Amino acid sequence: MTDTILVVDDDLGIQKQLKWSLTDYNVVFADDHTSAIAQLRRFEPKVVTLDLGLPPDPANASEGLRILHDIISLAPRTKVIVVTGNNDKQNALKAIDFGAYDFYQKPIDSDTIKLLVHAHSIFLS
């Protein structure tokens, strides 16, 4: 059975890149709080990649941090990897403090993100 990975990002380019990078997984997508929680409940992914800058305020990390809080509350065993822009390291560290398992700075390197996701999904097996 293939593990499911939830990608929470409103950038279609990032979604496509992660879909093609993570071909060993069933990759599902969400682009806001409502769809992220619905996909979390539906698929119960082992790993979530989470962009912090999401609608309705993509220039801020508040929505991503809210989603992180809800994921950890609803599925505490799920490992969340925060995927962040180059200028957002402070919020990534805040996300780790709030319970994210790891963070990765954009731009995304396919081999590196694949290694991170694989390591975290193995950790849960």
PDB file of N, CA and C in Angstrom:
ATOM      1  N   MET A   1       0.840  -1.183   0.000  1.00  0.00           N
ATOM      2  CA  MET A   1       0.000   0.000   0.000  1.00  0.00           C
ATOM      3  C   MET A   1       0.887   1.249   0.000  1.00  0.00           C
ATOM      4  N   THR A   2       0.584   2.195  -0.852  1.00  0.00           N
ATOM      5  CA  THR A   2       1.357   3.414  -0.988  1.00  0.00           C
ATOM      6  C   THR A   2       0.947   4.415   0.082  1.00  0.00           C
ATOM      7  N   ASP A   3       1.939   5.016   0.733  1.00  0.00           N
ATOM      8  CA  ASP A   3       1.667   6.048   1.728  1.00  0.00           C
ATOM      9  C   ASP A   3       1.153   7.309   1.039  1.00  0.00           C
ATOM     10  N   THR A   4       0.300   8.026   1.751  1.00  0.00           N
ATOM     11  CA  THR A   4      -0.238   9.282   1.238  1.00  0.00           C
ATOM     12  C   THR A   4       0.519  10.453   1.841  1.00  0.00           C
ATOM     13  N   ILE A   5       0.843  11.411   0.985  1.00  0.00           N
ATOM     14  CA  ILE A   5       1.486  12.656   1.378  1.00  0.00           C
ATOM     15  C   ILE A   5       0.519  13.774   1.027  1.00  0.00           C
ATOM     16  N   LEU A   6       0.264  14.664   1.978  1.00  0.00           N
ATOM     17  CA  LEU A   6      -0.585  15.829   1.730  1.00  0.00           C
ATOM     18  C   LEU A   6       0.301  17.041   1.504  1.00  0.00           C
ATOM     19  N   VAL A   7       0.109  17.699   0.366  1.00  0.00           N
ATOM     20  CA  VAL A   7       0.824  18.924   0.028  1.00  0.00           C
ATOM     21  C   VAL A   7      -0.160  20.078   0.194  1.00  0.00           C
ATOM     22  N   VAL A   8       0.143  20.977   1.134  1.00  0.00           N
ATOM     23  CA  VAL A   8      -0.697  22.154   1.359  1.00  0.00           C
ATOM     24  C   VAL A   8       0.080  23.360   0.836  1.00  0.00           C
ATOM     25  N   ASP A   9      -0.321  23.832  -0.341  1.00  0.00           N
ATOM     26  CA  ASP A   9       0.356  24.955  -0.993  1.00  0.00           C
ATOM     27  C   ASP A   9      -0.583  25.532  -2.035  1.00  0.00           C
ATOM     28  N   ASP A  10      -0.656  26.851  -2.117  1.00  0.00           N
ATOM     29  CA  ASP A  10      -1.544  27.483  -3.097  1.00  0.00           C
ATOM     30  C   ASP A  10      -0.845  27.765  -4.424  1.00  0.00           C
ATOM     31  N   ASP A  11       0.435  27.429  -4.531  1.00  0.00           N
ATOM     32  CA  ASP A  11       1.199  27.631  -5.761  1.00  0.00           C
ATOM     33  C   ASP A  11       1.111  26.362  -6.611  1.00  0.00           C
ATOM     34  N   LEU A  12       0.424  26.441  -7.753  1.00  0.00           N
ATOM     35  CA  LEU A  12       0.260  25.274  -8.618  1.00  0.00           C
ATOM     36  C   LEU A  12       1.593  24.735  -9.132  1.00  0.00           C
ATOM     37  N   GLY A  13       2.568  25.604  -9.323  1.00  0.00           N
ATOM     38  CA  GLY A  13       3.890  25.157  -9.760  1.00  0.00           C
ATOM     39  C   GLY A  13       4.558  24.280  -8.709  1.00  0.00           C
ATOM     40  N   ILE A  14       4.453  24.672  -7.453  1.00  0.00           N
ATOM     41  CA  ILE A  14       5.008  23.862  -6.352  1.00  0.00           C
ATOM     42  C   ILE A  14       4.249  22.549  -6.249  1.00  0.00           C
ATOM     43  N   GLN A  15       2.926  22.603  -6.386  1.00  0.00           N
ATOM     44  CA  GLN A  15       2.136  21.364  -6.337  1.00  0.00           C
ATOM     45  C   GLN A  15       2.606  20.384  -7.413  1.00  0.00           C
ATOM     46  N   LYS A  16       2.767  20.874  -8.637  1.00  0.00           N
ATOM     47  CA  LYS A  16       3.208  20.002  -9.735  1.00  0.00           C
ATOM     48  C   LYS A  16       4.605  19.462  -9.473  1.00  0.00           C
ATOM     49  N   GLN A  17       5.504  20.316  -9.006  1.00  0.00           N
ATOM     50  CA  GLN A  17       6.867  19.876  -8.747  1.00  0.00           C
ATOM     51  C   GLN A  17       6.889  18.780  -7.677  1.00  0.00           C
ATOM     52  N   LEU A  18       6.099  18.942  -6.624  1.00  0.00           N
ATOM     53  CA  LEU A  18       6.067  17.926  -5.572  1.00  0.00           C
ATOM     54  C   LEU A  18       5.394  16.646  -6.061  1.00  0.00           C
ATOM     55  N   LYS A  19       4.380  16.781  -6.888  1.00  0.00           N
ATOM     56  CA  LYS A  19       3.725  15.582  -7.431  1.00  0.00           C
ATOM     57  C   LYS A  19       4.727  14.747  -8.226  1.00  0.00           C
ATOM     58  N   TRP A  20       5.537  15.399  -9.054  1.00  0.00           N
ATOM     59  CA  TRP A  20       6.503  14.670  -9.881  1.00  0.00           C
ATOM     60  C   TRP A  20       7.722  14.240  -9.084  1.00  0.00           C
ATOM     61  N   SER A  21       8.029  14.918  -8.006  1.00  0.00           N
ATOM     62  CA  SER A  21       9.157  14.524  -7.161  1.00  0.00           C
ATOM     63  C   SER A  21       8.828  13.330  -6.274  1.00  0.00           C
ATOM     64  N   LEU A  22       7.568  13.209  -5.895  1.00  0.00           N
ATOM     65  CA  LEU A  22       7.155  12.195  -4.917  1.00  0.00           C
ATOM     66  C   LEU A  22       6.335  11.088  -5.573  1.00  0.00           C
ATOM     67  N   THR A  23       6.856  10.542  -6.659  1.00  0.00           N
ATOM     68  CA  THR A  23       6.110   9.544  -7.429  1.00  0.00           C
ATOM     69  C   THR A  23       5.904   8.225  -6.688  1.00  0.00           C
ATOM     70  N   ASP A  24       6.664   7.992  -5.624  1.00  0.00           N
ATOM     71  CA  ASP A  24       6.499   6.757  -4.850  1.00  0.00           C
ATOM     72  C   ASP A  24       5.343   6.840  -3.859  1.00  0.00           C
ATOM     73  N   TYR A  25       4.658   7.965  -3.838  1.00  0.00           N
ATOM     74  CA  TYR A  25       3.585   8.214  -2.871  1.00  0.00           C
ATOM     75  C   TYR A  25       2.291   8.598  -3.576  1.00  0.00           C
ATOM     76  N   ASN A  26       1.203   8.428  -2.863  1.00  0.00           N
ATOM     77  CA  ASN A  26      -0.075   8.967  -3.298  1.00  0.00           C
ATOM     78  C   ASN A  26      -0.102  10.416  -2.803  1.00  0.00           C
ATOM     79  N   VAL A  27       0.061  11.368  -3.705  1.00  0.00           N
ATOM     80  CA  VAL A  27       0.146  12.778  -3.338  1.00  0.00           C
ATOM     81  C   VAL A  27      -1.224  13.419  -3.533  1.00  0.00           C
ATOM     82  N   VAL A  28      -1.734  14.034  -2.459  1.00  0.00           N
ATOM     83  CA  VAL A  28      -2.995  14.764  -2.522  1.00  0.00           C
ATOM     84  C   VAL A  28      -2.714  16.213  -2.151  1.00  0.00           C
ATOM     85  N   PHE A  29      -3.604  17.104  -2.584  1.00  0.00           N
ATOM     86  CA  PHE A  29      -3.328  18.531  -2.467  1.00  0.00           C
ATOM     87  C   PHE A  29      -4.433  19.275  -1.730  1.00  0.00           C
ATOM     88  N   ALA A  30      -4.019  20.395  -1.137  1.00  0.00           N
ATOM     89  CA  ALA A  30      -4.940  21.357  -0.534  1.00  0.00           C
ATOM     90  C   ALA A  30      -4.299  22.730  -0.715  1.00  0.00           C
ATOM     91  N   ASP A  31      -5.149  23.760  -0.810  1.00  0.00           N
ATOM     92  CA  ASP A  31      -4.586  25.098  -0.993  1.00  0.00           C
ATOM     93  C   ASP A  31      -5.094  26.123   0.007  1.00  0.00           C
ATOM     94  N   ASP A  32      -5.862  25.660   1.011  1.00  0.00           N
ATOM     95  CA  ASP A  32      -6.334  26.551   2.060  1.00  0.00           C
ATOM     96  C   ASP A  32      -6.692  25.718   3.292  1.00  0.00           C
ATOM     97  N   HIS A  33      -7.120  26.383   4.340  1.00  0.00           N
ATOM     98  CA  HIS A  33      -7.415  25.704   5.608  1.00  0.00           C
ATOM     99  C   HIS A  33      -8.502  24.647   5.452  1.00  0.00           C
ATOM    100  N   THR A  34      -9.605  25.001   4.830  1.00  0.00           N
ATOM    101  CA  THR A  34     -10.738  24.080   4.698  1.00  0.00           C
ATOM    102  C   THR A  34     -10.352  22.822   3.942  1.00  0.00           C
ATOM    103  N   SER A  35      -9.681  22.987   2.797  1.00  0.00           N
ATOM    104  CA  SER A  35      -9.312  21.805   2.016  1.00  0.00           C
ATOM    105  C   SER A  35      -8.210  21.005   2.703  1.00  0.00           C
ATOM    106  N   ALA A  36      -7.322  21.662   3.437  1.00  0.00           N
ATOM    107  CA  ALA A  36      -6.259  20.942   4.141  1.00  0.00           C
ATOM    108  C   ALA A  36      -6.836  20.021   5.208  1.00  0.00           C
ATOM    109  N   ILE A  37      -7.771  20.514   5.984  1.00  0.00           N
ATOM    110  CA  ILE A  37      -8.364  19.701   7.049  1.00  0.00           C
ATOM    111  C   ILE A  37      -9.227  18.589   6.445  1.00  0.00           C
ATOM    112  N   ALA A  38      -9.942  18.878   5.375  1.00  0.00           N
ATOM    113  CA  ALA A  38     -10.748  17.848   4.705  1.00  0.00           C
ATOM    114  C   ALA A  38      -9.846  16.723   4.173  1.00  0.00           C
ATOM    115  N   GLN A  39      -8.736  17.085   3.532  1.00  0.00           N
ATOM    116  CA  GLN A  39      -7.815  16.070   2.998  1.00  0.00           C
ATOM    117  C   GLN A  39      -7.120  15.297   4.130  1.00  0.00           C
ATOM    118  N   LEU A  40      -6.798  15.975   5.209  1.00  0.00           N
ATOM    119  CA  LEU A  40      -6.197  15.308   6.369  1.00  0.00           C
ATOM    120  C   LEU A  40      -7.139  14.231   6.910  1.00  0.00           C
ATOM    121  N   ARG A  41      -8.396  14.579   7.055  1.00  0.00           N
ATOM    122  CA  ARG A  41      -9.377  13.627   7.579  1.00  0.00           C
ATOM    123  C   ARG A  41      -9.646  12.496   6.587  1.00  0.00           C
ATOM    124  N   ARG A  42      -9.699  12.825   5.322  1.00  0.00           N
ATOM    125  CA  ARG A  42     -10.027  11.818   4.309  1.00  0.00           C
ATOM    126  C   ARG A  42      -8.898  10.810   4.097  1.00  0.00           C
ATOM    127  N   PHE A  43      -7.656  11.290   4.017  1.00  0.00           N
ATOM    128  CA  PHE A  43      -6.544  10.424   3.618  1.00  0.00           C
ATOM    129  C   PHE A  43      -5.611  10.007   4.756  1.00  0.00           C
ATOM    130  N   GLU A  44      -5.684  10.679   5.897  1.00  0.00           N
ATOM    131  CA  GLU A  44      -4.825  10.380   7.040  1.00  0.00           C
ATOM    132  C   GLU A  44      -3.362  10.198   6.624  1.00  0.00           C
ATOM    133  N   PRO A  45      -2.772  11.237   6.021  1.00  0.00           N
ATOM    134  CA  PRO A  45      -1.398  11.115   5.527  1.00  0.00           C
ATOM    135  C   PRO A  45      -0.391  10.974   6.666  1.00  0.00           C
ATOM    136  N   LYS A  46       0.707  10.269   6.380  1.00  0.00           N
ATOM    137  CA  LYS A  46       1.794  10.171   7.348  1.00  0.00           C
ATOM    138  C   LYS A  46       2.596  11.464   7.402  1.00  0.00           C
ATOM    139  N   VAL A  47       2.718  12.122   6.243  1.00  0.00           N
ATOM    140  CA  VAL A  47       3.527  13.331   6.122  1.00  0.00           C
ATOM    141  C   VAL A  47       2.717  14.404   5.411  1.00  0.00           C
ATOM    142  N   VAL A  48       2.865  15.644   5.884  1.00  0.00           N
ATOM    143  CA  VAL A  48       2.264  16.808   5.243  1.00  0.00           C
ATOM    144  C   VAL A  48       3.380  17.799   4.951  1.00  0.00           C
ATOM    145  N   THR A  49       3.425  18.318   3.722  1.00  0.00           N
ATOM    146  CA  THR A  49       4.278  19.471   3.451  1.00  0.00           C
ATOM    147  C   THR A  49       3.351  20.681   3.489  1.00  0.00           C
ATOM    148  N   LEU A  50       3.763  21.697   4.210  1.00  0.00           N
ATOM    149  CA  LEU A  50       2.886  22.845   4.485  1.00  0.00           C
ATOM    150  C   LEU A  50       3.588  24.149   4.190  1.00  0.00           C
ATOM    151  N   ASP A  51       3.042  24.895   3.244  1.00  0.00           N
ATOM    152  CA  ASP A  51       3.488  26.262   2.995  1.00  0.00           C
ATOM    153  C   ASP A  51       2.835  27.138   4.050  1.00  0.00           C
ATOM    154  N   LEU A  52       3.572  28.058   4.635  1.00  0.00           N
ATOM    155  CA  LEU A  52       2.989  28.913   5.667  1.00  0.00           C
ATOM    156  C   LEU A  52       2.199  30.083   5.089  1.00  0.00           C
ATOM    157  N   GLY A  53       2.579  30.568   3.921  1.00  0.00           N
ATOM    158  CA  GLY A  53       1.909  31.719   3.312  1.00  0.00           C
ATOM    159  C   GLY A  53       0.738  31.292   2.452  1.00  0.00           C
ATOM    160  N   LEU A  54      -0.436  31.218   3.060  1.00  0.00           N
ATOM    161  CA  LEU A  54      -1.626  30.729   2.363  1.00  0.00           C
ATOM    162  C   LEU A  54      -2.751  31.749   2.434  1.00  0.00           C
ATOM    163  N   PRO A  55      -3.719  31.645   1.502  1.00  0.00           N
ATOM    164  CA  PRO A  55      -4.885  32.537   1.562  1.00  0.00           C
ATOM    165  C   PRO A  55      -5.645  32.338   2.869  1.00  0.00           C
ATOM    166  N   PRO A  56      -6.241  33.356   3.383  1.00  0.00           N
ATOM    167  CA  PRO A  56      -6.520  34.655   2.760  1.00  0.00           C
ATOM    168  C   PRO A  56      -5.408  35.681   2.896  1.00  0.00           C
ATOM    169  N   ASP A  57      -4.291  35.346   3.548  1.00  0.00           N
ATOM    170  CA  ASP A  57      -3.203  36.299   3.740  1.00  0.00           C
ATOM    171  C   ASP A  57      -1.863  35.655   3.396  1.00  0.00           C
ATOM    172  N   PRO A  58      -1.602  35.439   2.091  1.00  0.00           N
ATOM    173  CA  PRO A  58      -0.398  34.711   1.689  1.00  0.00           C
ATOM    174  C   PRO A  58       0.919  35.412   2.038  1.00  0.00           C
ATOM    175  N   ALA A  59       0.878  36.705   2.342  1.00  0.00           N
ATOM    176  CA  ALA A  59       2.099  37.421   2.707  1.00  0.00           C
ATOM    177  C   ALA A  59       2.451  37.225   4.178  1.00  0.00           C
ATOM    178  N   ASN A  60       1.600  36.553   4.901  1.00  0.00           N
ATOM    179  CA  ASN A  60       1.765  36.353   6.332  1.00  0.00           C
ATOM    180  C   ASN A  60       1.771  34.854   6.632  1.00  0.00           C
ATOM    181  N   ALA A  61       2.302  34.452   7.767  1.00  0.00           N
ATOM    182  CA  ALA A  61       2.356  33.029   8.128  1.00  0.00           C
ATOM    183  C   ALA A  61       1.190  32.598   9.003  1.00  0.00           C
ATOM    184  N   SER A  62       0.287  33.504   9.320  1.00  0.00           N
ATOM    185  CA  SER A  62      -0.768  33.196  10.294  1.00  0.00           C
ATOM    186  C   SER A  62      -1.658  32.030   9.863  1.00  0.00           C
ATOM    187  N   GLU A  63      -2.019  31.964   8.605  1.00  0.00           N
ATOM    188  CA  GLU A  63      -2.899  30.877   8.142  1.00  0.00           C
ATOM    189  C   GLU A  63      -2.173  29.535   8.161  1.00  0.00           C
ATOM    190  N   GLY A  64      -0.930  29.515   7.726  1.00  0.00           N
ATOM    191  CA  GLY A  64      -0.152  28.284   7.767  1.00  0.00           C
ATOM    192  C   GLY A  64       0.045  27.789   9.192  1.00  0.00           C
ATOM    193  N   LEU A  65       0.305  28.701  10.114  1.00  0.00           N
ATOM    194  CA  LEU A  65       0.475  28.313  11.521  1.00  0.00           C
ATOM    195  C   LEU A  65      -0.837  27.798  12.111  1.00  0.00           C
ATOM    196  N   ARG A  66      -1.955  28.379  11.679  1.00  0.00           N
ATOM    197  CA  ARG A  66      -3.268  27.897  12.140  1.00  0.00           C
ATOM    198  C   ARG A  66      -3.525  26.476  11.634  1.00  0.00           C
ATOM    199  N   ILE A  67      -3.193  26.229  10.371  1.00  0.00           N
ATOM    200  CA  ILE A  67      -3.352  24.887   9.811  1.00  0.00           C
ATOM    201  C   ILE A  67      -2.438  23.906  10.547  1.00  0.00           C
ATOM    202  N   LEU A  68      -1.207  24.316  10.811  1.00  0.00           N
ATOM    203  CA  LEU A  68      -0.272  23.463  11.559  1.00  0.00           C
ATOM    204  C   LEU A  68      -0.867  23.083  12.913  1.00  0.00           C
ATOM    205  N   HIS A  69      -1.389  24.040  13.620  1.00  0.00           N
ATOM    206  CA  HIS A  69      -2.004  23.774  14.927  1.00  0.00           C
ATOM    207  C   HIS A  69      -3.131  22.756  14.798  1.00  0.00           C
ATOM    208  N   ASP A  70      -3.976  22.920  13.796  1.00  0.00           N
ATOM    209  CA  ASP A  70      -5.108  22.009  13.615  1.00  0.00           C
ATOM    210  C   ASP A  70      -4.654  20.609  13.209  1.00  0.00           C
ATOM    211  N   ILE A  71      -3.632  20.512  12.365  1.00  0.00           N
ATOM    212  CA  ILE A  71      -3.114  19.204  11.969  1.00  0.00           C
ATOM    213  C   ILE A  71      -2.578  18.466  13.198  1.00  0.00           C
ATOM    214  N   ILE A  72      -1.802  19.161  14.003  1.00  0.00           N
ATOM    215  CA  ILE A  72      -1.218  18.536  15.189  1.00  0.00           C
ATOM    216  C   ILE A  72      -2.304  18.136  16.185  1.00  0.00           C
ATOM    217  N   SER A  73      -3.351  18.935  16.287  1.00  0.00           N
ATOM    218  CA  SER A  73      -4.458  18.604  17.191  1.00  0.00           C
ATOM    219  C   SER A  73      -5.241  17.388  16.706  1.00  0.00           C
ATOM    220  N   LEU A  74      -5.493  17.324  15.394  1.00  0.00           N
ATOM    221  CA  LEU A  74      -6.314  16.253  14.831  1.00  0.00           C
ATOM    222  C   LEU A  74      -5.539  14.966  14.554  1.00  0.00           C
ATOM    223  N   ALA A  75      -4.270  15.089  14.215  1.00  0.00           N
ATOM    224  CA  ALA A  75      -3.462  13.922  13.819  1.00  0.00           C
ATOM    225  C   ALA A  75      -2.043  14.073  14.379  1.00  0.00           C
ATOM    226  N   PRO A  76      -1.889  13.895  15.674  1.00  0.00           N
ATOM    227  CA  PRO A  76      -0.599  14.184  16.308  1.00  0.00           C
ATOM    228  C   PRO A  76       0.571  13.329  15.819  1.00  0.00           C
ATOM    229  N   ARG A  77       0.313  12.189  15.202  1.00  0.00           N
ATOM    230  CA  ARG A  77       1.397  11.340  14.681  1.00  0.00           C
ATOM    231  C   ARG A  77       1.852  11.765  13.281  1.00  0.00           C
ATOM    232  N   THR A  78       1.083  12.610  12.636  1.00  0.00           N
ATOM    233  CA  THR A  78       1.449  13.078  11.300  1.00  0.00           C
ATOM    234  C   THR A  78       2.654  14.008  11.405  1.00  0.00           C
ATOM    235  N   LYS A  79       3.630  13.785  10.536  1.00  0.00           N
ATOM    236  CA  LYS A  79       4.829  14.622  10.512  1.00  0.00           C
ATOM    237  C   LYS A  79       4.616  15.751   9.513  1.00  0.00           C
ATOM    238  N   VAL A  80       4.783  16.987   9.983  1.00  0.00           N
ATOM    239  CA  VAL A  80       4.594  18.167   9.139  1.00  0.00           C
ATOM    240  C   VAL A  80       5.953  18.757   8.796  1.00  0.00           C
ATOM    241  N   ILE A  81       6.212  18.876   7.505  1.00  0.00           N
ATOM    242  CA  ILE A  81       7.411  19.538   6.997  1.00  0.00           C
ATOM    243  C   ILE A  81       6.965  20.890   6.452  1.00  0.00           C
ATOM    244  N   VAL A  82       7.403  21.954   7.085  1.00  0.00           N
ATOM    245  CA  VAL A  82       7.066  23.300   6.634  1.00  0.00           C
ATOM    246  C   VAL A  82       7.980  23.648   5.469  1.00  0.00           C
ATOM    247  N   VAL A  83       7.375  24.026   4.353  1.00  0.00           N
ATOM    248  CA  VAL A  83       8.116  24.451   3.167  1.00  0.00           C
ATOM    249  C   VAL A  83       7.978  25.967   3.102  1.00  0.00           C
ATOM    250  N   THR A  84       9.094  26.656   3.182  1.00  0.00           N
ATOM    251  CA  THR A  84       9.051  28.095   3.365  1.00  0.00           C
ATOM    252  C   THR A  84       9.915  28.834   2.349  1.00  0.00           C
ATOM    253  N   GLY A  85       9.558  30.083   2.127  1.00  0.00           N
ATOM    254  CA  GLY A  85      10.352  30.945   1.256  1.00  0.00           C
ATOM    255  C   GLY A  85      11.651  31.354   1.929  1.00  0.00           C
ATOM    256  N   ASN A  86      12.571  31.846   1.141  1.00  0.00           N
ATOM    257  CA  ASN A  86      13.908  32.196   1.645  1.00  0.00           C
ATOM    258  C   ASN A  86      13.894  33.229   2.766  1.00  0.00           C
ATOM    259  N   ASN A  87      12.933  34.127   2.767  1.00  0.00           N
ATOM    260  CA  ASN A  87      12.896  35.193   3.763  1.00  0.00           C
ATOM    261  C   ASN A  87      12.024  34.861   4.964  1.00  0.00           C
ATOM    262  N   ASP A  88      11.674  33.605   5.125  1.00  0.00           N
ATOM    263  CA  ASP A  88      10.706  33.246   6.159  1.00  0.00           C
ATOM    264  C   ASP A  88      11.267  32.255   7.183  1.00  0.00           C
ATOM    265  N   LYS A  89      12.566  32.272   7.381  1.00  0.00           N
ATOM    266  CA  LYS A  89      13.176  31.311   8.310  1.00  0.00           C
ATOM    267  C   LYS A  89      12.646  31.495   9.730  1.00  0.00           C
ATOM    268  N   GLN A  90      12.394  32.721  10.155  1.00  0.00           N
ATOM    269  CA  GLN A  90      11.891  32.987  11.503  1.00  0.00           C
ATOM    270  C   GLN A  90      10.559  32.284  11.743  1.00  0.00           C
ATOM    271  N   ASN A  91       9.654  32.363  10.762  1.00  0.00           N
ATOM    272  CA  ASN A  91       8.365  31.681  10.897  1.00  0.00           C
ATOM    273  C   ASN A  91       8.513  30.169  10.824  1.00  0.00           C
ATOM    274  N   ALA A  92       9.474  29.686  10.060  1.00  0.00           N
ATOM    275  CA  ALA A  92       9.723  28.250  10.013  1.00  0.00           C
ATOM    276  C   ALA A  92      10.173  27.751  11.379  1.00  0.00           C
ATOM    277  N   LEU A  93      11.044  28.501  12.028  1.00  0.00           N
ATOM    278  CA  LEU A  93      11.481  28.127  13.371  1.00  0.00           C
ATOM    279  C   LEU A  93      10.333  28.201  14.374  1.00  0.00           C
ATOM    280  N   LYS A  94       9.464  29.182  14.193  1.00  0.00           N
ATOM    281  CA  LYS A  94       8.274  29.279  15.044  1.00  0.00           C
ATOM    282  C   LYS A  94       7.383  28.045  14.840  1.00  0.00           C
ATOM    283  N   ALA A  95       7.259  27.600  13.586  1.00  0.00           N
ATOM    284  CA  ALA A  95       6.457  26.410  13.280  1.00  0.00           C
ATOM    285  C   ALA A  95       7.050  25.169  13.955  1.00  0.00           C
ATOM    286  N   ILE A  96       8.372  25.048  13.966  1.00  0.00           N
ATOM    287  CA  ILE A  96       9.025  23.932  14.661  1.00  0.00           C
ATOM    288  C   ILE A  96       8.690  24.000  16.146  1.00  0.00           C
ATOM    289  N   ASP A  97       8.735  25.190  16.691  1.00  0.00           N
ATOM    290  CA  ASP A  97       8.384  25.386  18.106  1.00  0.00           C
ATOM    291  C   ASP A  97       6.934  24.980  18.380  1.00  0.00           C
ATOM    292  N   PHE A  98       6.052  25.184  17.398  1.00  0.00           N
ATOM    293  CA  PHE A  98       4.634  24.835  17.538  1.00  0.00           C
ATOM    294  C   PHE A  98       4.359  23.357  17.284  1.00  0.00           C
ATOM    295  N   GLY A  99       5.366  22.610  16.796  1.00  0.00           N
ATOM    296  CA  GLY A  99       5.163  21.181  16.614  1.00  0.00           C
ATOM    297  C   GLY A  99       5.453  20.626  15.241  1.00  0.00           C
ATOM    298  N   ALA A 100       5.846  21.478  14.285  1.00  0.00           N
ATOM    299  CA  ALA A 100       6.241  20.944  12.978  1.00  0.00           C
ATOM    300  C   ALA A 100       7.477  20.084  13.178  1.00  0.00           C
ATOM    301  N   TYR A 101       7.618  19.077  12.351  1.00  0.00           N
ATOM    302  CA  TYR A 101       8.704  18.124  12.519  1.00  0.00           C
ATOM    303  C   TYR A 101       9.994  18.601  11.863  1.00  0.00           C
ATOM    304  N   ASP A 102       9.859  19.386  10.805  1.00  0.00           N
ATOM    305  CA  ASP A 102      11.036  19.812  10.057  1.00  0.00           C
ATOM    306  C   ASP A 102      10.639  21.003   9.191  1.00  0.00           C
ATOM    307  N   PHE A 103      11.643  21.679   8.608  1.00  0.00           N
ATOM    308  CA  PHE A 103      11.330  22.693   7.612  1.00  0.00           C
ATOM    309  C   PHE A 103      12.318  22.610   6.468  1.00  0.00           C
ATOM    310  N   TYR A 104      11.861  23.089   5.315  1.00  0.00           N
ATOM    311  CA  TYR A 104      12.661  23.052   4.103  1.00  0.00           C
ATOM    312  C   TYR A 104      12.470  24.377   3.380  1.00  0.00           C
ATOM    313  N   GLN A 105      13.582  25.014   3.001  1.00  0.00           N
ATOM    314  CA  GLN A 105      13.488  26.301   2.325  1.00  0.00           C
ATOM    315  C   GLN A 105      13.409  26.141   0.818  1.00  0.00           C
ATOM    316  N   LYS A 106      12.508  26.924   0.199  1.00  0.00           N
ATOM    317  CA  LYS A 106      12.416  26.983  -1.254  1.00  0.00           C
ATOM    318  C   LYS A 106      13.651  27.697  -1.777  1.00  0.00           C
ATOM    319  N   PRO A 107      14.070  27.462  -3.001  1.00  0.00           N
ATOM    320  CA  PRO A 107      13.417  26.648  -4.015  1.00  0.00           C
ATOM    321  C   PRO A 107      13.579  25.158  -3.706  1.00  0.00           C
ATOM    322  N   ILE A 108      12.637  24.392  -4.185  1.00  0.00           N
ATOM    323  CA  ILE A 108      12.600  22.965  -3.892  1.00  0.00           C
ATOM    324  C   ILE A 108      13.553  22.210  -4.801  1.00  0.00           C
ATOM    325  N   ASP A 109      14.379  21.390  -4.195  1.00  0.00           N
ATOM    326  CA  ASP A 109      15.219  20.455  -4.918  1.00  0.00           C
ATOM    327  C   ASP A 109      14.546  19.092  -4.800  1.00  0.00           C
ATOM    328  N   SER A 110      14.200  18.490  -5.919  1.00  0.00           N
ATOM    329  CA  SER A 110      13.427  17.239  -5.923  1.00  0.00           C
ATOM    330  C   SER A 110      14.084  16.134  -5.104  1.00  0.00           C
ATOM    331  N   ASP A 111      15.378  15.949  -5.244  1.00  0.00           N
ATOM    332  CA  ASP A 111      16.059  14.877  -4.510  1.00  0.00           C
ATOM    333  C   ASP A 111      16.022  15.121  -3.003  1.00  0.00           C
ATOM    334  N   THR A 112      16.211  16.362  -2.592  1.00  0.00           N
ATOM    335  CA  THR A 112      16.230  16.674  -1.159  1.00  0.00           C
ATOM    336  C   THR A 112      14.857  16.505  -0.532  1.00  0.00           C
ATOM    337  N   ILE A 113      13.828  17.015  -1.169  1.00  0.00           N
ATOM    338  CA  ILE A 113      12.483  16.892  -0.592  1.00  0.00           C
ATOM    339  C   ILE A 113      12.053  15.428  -0.564  1.00  0.00           C
ATOM    340  N   LYS A 114      12.428  14.675  -1.580  1.00  0.00           N
ATOM    341  CA  LYS A 114      12.111  13.243  -1.605  1.00  0.00           C
ATOM    342  C   LYS A 114      12.780  12.532  -0.423  1.00  0.00           C
ATOM    343  N   LEU A 115      14.022  12.864  -0.157  1.00  0.00           N
ATOM    344  CA  LEU A 115      14.757  12.277   0.963  1.00  0.00           C
ATOM    345  C   LEU A 115      14.103  12.636   2.299  1.00  0.00           C
ATOM    346  N   LEU A 116      13.727  13.904   2.473  1.00  0.00           N
ATOM    347  CA  LEU A 116      13.061  14.333   3.711  1.00  0.00           C
ATOM    348  C   LEU A 116      11.746  13.599   3.932  1.00  0.00           C
ATOM    349  N   VAL A 117      10.915  13.557   2.911  1.00  0.00           N
ATOM    350  CA  VAL A 117       9.614  12.898   3.034  1.00  0.00           C
ATOM    351  C   VAL A 117       9.807  11.410   3.309  1.00  0.00           C
ATOM    352  N   HIS A 118      10.719  10.789   2.602  1.00  0.00           N
ATOM    353  CA  HIS A 118      10.967   9.359   2.800  1.00  0.00           C
ATOM    354  C   HIS A 118      11.448   9.081   4.230  1.00  0.00           C
ATOM    355  N   ALA A 119      12.361   9.899   4.727  1.00  0.00           N
ATOM    356  CA  ALA A 119      12.878   9.711   6.081  1.00  0.00           C
ATOM    357  C   ALA A 119      11.763   9.833   7.114  1.00  0.00           C
ATOM    358  N   HIS A 120      10.881  10.794   6.945  1.00  0.00           N
ATOM    359  CA  HIS A 120       9.802  10.995   7.914  1.00  0.00           C
ATOM    360  C   HIS A 120       8.726   9.937   7.800  1.00  0.00           C
ATOM    361  N   SER A 121       8.459   9.438   6.587  1.00  0.00           N
ATOM    362  CA  SER A 121       7.449   8.399   6.450  1.00  0.00           C
ATOM    363  C   SER A 121       7.973   7.064   6.976  1.00  0.00           C
ATOM    364  N   ILE A 122       9.258   6.806   6.829  1.00  0.00           N
ATOM    365  CA  ILE A 122       9.867   5.583   7.377  1.00  0.00           C
ATOM    366  C   ILE A 122       9.826   5.629   8.901  1.00  0.00           C
ATOM    367  N   PHE A 123      10.082   6.799   9.446  1.00  0.00           N
ATOM    368  CA  PHE A 123      10.080   6.995  10.899  1.00  0.00           C
ATOM    369  C   PHE A 123       8.758   6.545  11.513  1.00  0.00           C
ATOM    370  N   LEU A 124       7.676   6.691  10.756  1.00  0.00           N
ATOM    371  CA  LEU A 124       6.338   6.354  11.262  1.00  0.00           C
ATOM    372  C   LEU A 124       5.974   4.903  11.024  1.00  0.00           C
ATOM    373  N   SER A 125       6.733   4.202  10.201  1.00  0.00           N
ATOM    374  CA  SER A 125       6.375   2.815   9.861  1.00  0.00           C
ATOM    375  C   SER A 125       6.622   1.868  11.008  1.00  0.00           C
TER     376      SER A 125
END
